[in-house]
Structures are given as structure tokens and as C-alpha cells.
Amino acid sequence: MSDREQWQKLDEEQYRVTRCSGTERPFTGKYWDHKGDGVYLCVCCRAPLFDSRHKYDSGSGWPSFWQPAEGADIAEVSDTSHGMVRTEVRCGRCQAHLGHVFPDGPPPTGLRYCINSASLDFTPREG
């Protein structure tokens, strides 16, 4: 599927978040308190990004993970927008904006991948 075809299948919120580096309001995304067992995929290209086994409730209102899924292609980019210095997280395959990673997460990594629900899709684990 071409880039154009990938982006055309997104709804307005998914496009705003993934292609325009937008952010959804906290506690509004469909996965912020989701408890299913499975894998979270990039909504644009379906690349596996995060495993539900690494998800935790950070209290931030966004889905939070302490590490990406094994073998996930995650790109990190310096983000100096809005007068802050942060690390933006993108899908390494299609460069969709996912959210940001912060150094205030739980053990064992100490990281908090704060991800927009609009950038994710979910597939339950088989078995």
C-alpha cells in the first residue's frame, strides 16, 4: 500500500495525530484504560509496536508502556516544540507520530512511552 493509500484510510483524529504530530486529550482515547491481552499496532502500517504485557497505568490519561514490543521498530526524534525539550516517538516503518517517551517510568527500564490511542490499533493475543 502506498503512503497516500495508508493515510487515506485514517479518520480525521488518526490523521491529525499520526501525520500532523497532534495529541489527543488525556483520558479520551480508546486505549488509555484498555486491559486486553495482545499487541498494539501502528494504525497506519500495522507494524507491531507495543505489547500489553508492558502496559501500565501511569495516571497520565494516555496508554503508557515501559518498553516497546520485542523487535519493534521505534524511532526517537528530538522535539523542541511548545517551548519544551522532549523525545518524540515515531513508527520506524512509516514515521507515524505515536507520542513521546519520558525518563519517569517504572522499573525495569525507568521509561514511560506515552502514546496516543489514535496512533494505535489492537490485536488480541492468540491462545
Protein backbone atom coordinates (compact mmCIF):
# COMPACT_ATOMS: atom_id res chain seq x y z
CA MET A 1 0.00 0.00 0.00
CA SER A 2 1.39 3.42 -0.90
CA ASP A 3 1.82 6.18 1.70
CA ARG A 4 -1.13 8.01 0.17
CA GLU A 5 -3.36 4.92 0.45
CA GLN A 6 -2.28 4.37 4.07
CA TRP A 7 -3.17 7.92 5.09
CA GLN A 8 -6.48 7.94 3.19
CA LYS A 9 -7.85 5.12 5.36
CA LEU A 10 -7.37 7.12 8.57
CA ASP A 11 -10.16 9.05 10.26
CA GLU A 12 -9.68 12.76 10.98
CA GLU A 13 -8.27 12.26 14.51
CA GLN A 14 -5.90 9.48 13.44
CA TYR A 15 -4.61 11.65 10.60
CA ARG A 16 -4.17 14.70 12.86
CA VAL A 17 -2.18 12.68 15.41
CA THR A 18 -0.07 10.48 13.13
CA ARG A 19 0.63 12.85 10.22
CA CYS A 20 0.50 16.25 11.94
CA SER A 21 2.10 15.26 15.28
CA GLY A 22 -1.10 16.03 17.15
CA THR A 23 -2.10 14.86 20.62
CA GLU A 24 -5.45 13.63 21.82
CA ARG A 25 -6.89 14.96 25.07
CA PRO A 26 -5.99 12.84 28.13
CA PHE A 27 -8.50 10.20 29.26
CA THR A 28 -10.33 10.31 25.91
CA GLY A 29 -8.54 7.75 23.73
CA LYS A 30 -9.93 4.26 23.36
CA TYR A 31 -6.83 2.54 24.77
CA TRP A 32 -5.87 4.69 27.78
CA ASP A 33 -7.51 2.21 30.21
CA HIS A 34 -7.71 -0.79 27.88
CA LYS A 35 -6.91 -4.09 29.63
CA GLY A 36 -6.86 -6.57 26.73
CA ASP A 37 -4.05 -9.09 26.27
CA GLY A 38 -2.35 -8.65 22.93
CA VAL A 39 -0.27 -6.37 20.76
CA TYR A 40 -0.74 -2.72 19.86
CA LEU A 41 -0.05 -1.98 16.19
CA CYS A 42 0.64 1.17 14.20
CA VAL A 43 -2.74 2.35 12.91
CA CYS A 44 -1.11 3.40 9.63
CA CYS A 45 1.06 0.44 8.59
CA ARG A 46 0.10 -2.29 11.12
CA ALA A 47 3.66 -2.70 12.42
CA PRO A 48 3.71 -4.27 15.92
CA LEU A 49 4.78 -1.59 18.39
CA PHE A 50 3.83 -2.38 22.00
CA ASP A 51 2.87 -5.49 23.96
CA SER A 52 0.08 -5.31 26.55
CA ARG A 53 2.45 -7.07 28.99
CA HIS A 54 4.46 -3.84 29.10
CA LYS A 55 1.45 -1.52 29.56
CA TYR A 56 0.79 0.16 32.89
CA ASP A 57 -1.41 2.89 34.35
CA SER A 58 0.78 5.98 34.56
CA GLY A 59 -2.13 8.22 35.60
CA SER A 60 -1.41 10.44 32.59
CA GLY A 61 -4.57 9.58 30.62
CA TRP A 62 -2.69 8.08 27.68
CA PRO A 63 -1.70 4.47 27.08
CA SER A 64 1.70 4.04 28.73
CA PHE A 65 4.29 1.34 28.25
CA TRP A 66 7.64 0.77 29.94
CA GLN A 67 9.18 -0.61 26.74
CA PRO A 68 8.30 -1.32 23.10
CA ALA A 69 7.40 -4.83 21.96
CA GLU A 70 10.30 -7.15 21.24
CA GLY A 71 11.68 -6.34 17.80
CA ALA A 72 9.51 -3.23 17.39
CA ASP A 73 10.85 -0.59 15.02
CA ILE A 74 10.52 2.59 17.07
CA ALA A 75 12.23 5.83 16.03
CA GLU A 76 13.08 8.55 18.56
CA VAL A 77 13.40 12.17 17.46
CA SER A 78 14.27 15.30 19.44
CA ASP A 79 11.17 17.51 19.80
CA THR A 80 11.66 21.14 20.84
CA SER A 81 8.10 22.30 20.09
CA HIS A 82 5.93 24.12 22.63
CA GLY A 83 8.99 25.50 24.49
CA MET A 84 9.99 22.06 25.80
CA VAL A 85 12.68 19.52 25.01
CA ARG A 86 11.13 16.07 24.65
CA THR A 87 11.77 12.84 22.78
CA GLU A 88 9.13 12.16 20.15
CA VAL A 89 8.35 8.53 19.33
CA ARG A 90 7.52 7.51 15.75
CA CYS A 91 6.80 4.25 13.98
CA GLY A 92 10.13 3.30 12.44
CA ARG A 93 8.43 1.73 9.44
CA CYS A 94 6.14 4.57 8.29
CA GLN A 95 7.23 7.51 10.51
CA ALA A 96 3.75 7.99 12.01
CA HIS A 97 3.80 10.15 15.16
CA LEU A 98 2.95 7.98 18.17
CA GLY A 99 3.66 10.16 21.21
CA HIS A 100 6.67 10.78 23.46
CA VAL A 101 8.97 8.84 25.78
CA PHE A 102 9.92 10.17 29.21
CA PRO A 103 12.52 9.01 31.78
CA ASP A 104 9.99 8.78 34.64
CA GLY A 105 8.59 5.28 34.15
CA PRO A 106 8.66 2.18 36.34
CA PRO A 107 11.37 -0.47 36.59
CA PRO A 108 12.93 -2.24 34.92
CA THR A 109 13.51 0.42 32.23
CA GLY A 110 12.52 3.63 34.01
CA LEU A 111 10.85 4.75 30.79
CA ARG A 112 7.31 5.88 30.06
CA TYR A 113 6.23 5.62 26.45
CA CYS A 114 3.21 7.94 26.47
CA ILE A 115 1.32 7.00 23.29
CA ASN A 116 -1.80 8.39 21.62
CA SER A 117 -4.62 5.88 21.23
CA ALA A 118 -5.35 7.41 17.83
CA SER A 119 -1.99 6.11 16.57
CA LEU A 120 -2.71 2.53 17.67
CA ASP A 121 -4.77 -0.47 16.73
CA PHE A 122 -5.02 -3.59 18.89
CA THR A 123 -4.96 -7.27 18.08
CA PRO A 124 -5.70 -9.84 20.80
CA ARG A 125 -3.09 -12.47 21.56
CA GLU A 126 -3.93 -15.86 20.11
CA GLY A 127 -4.34 -18.77 22.51
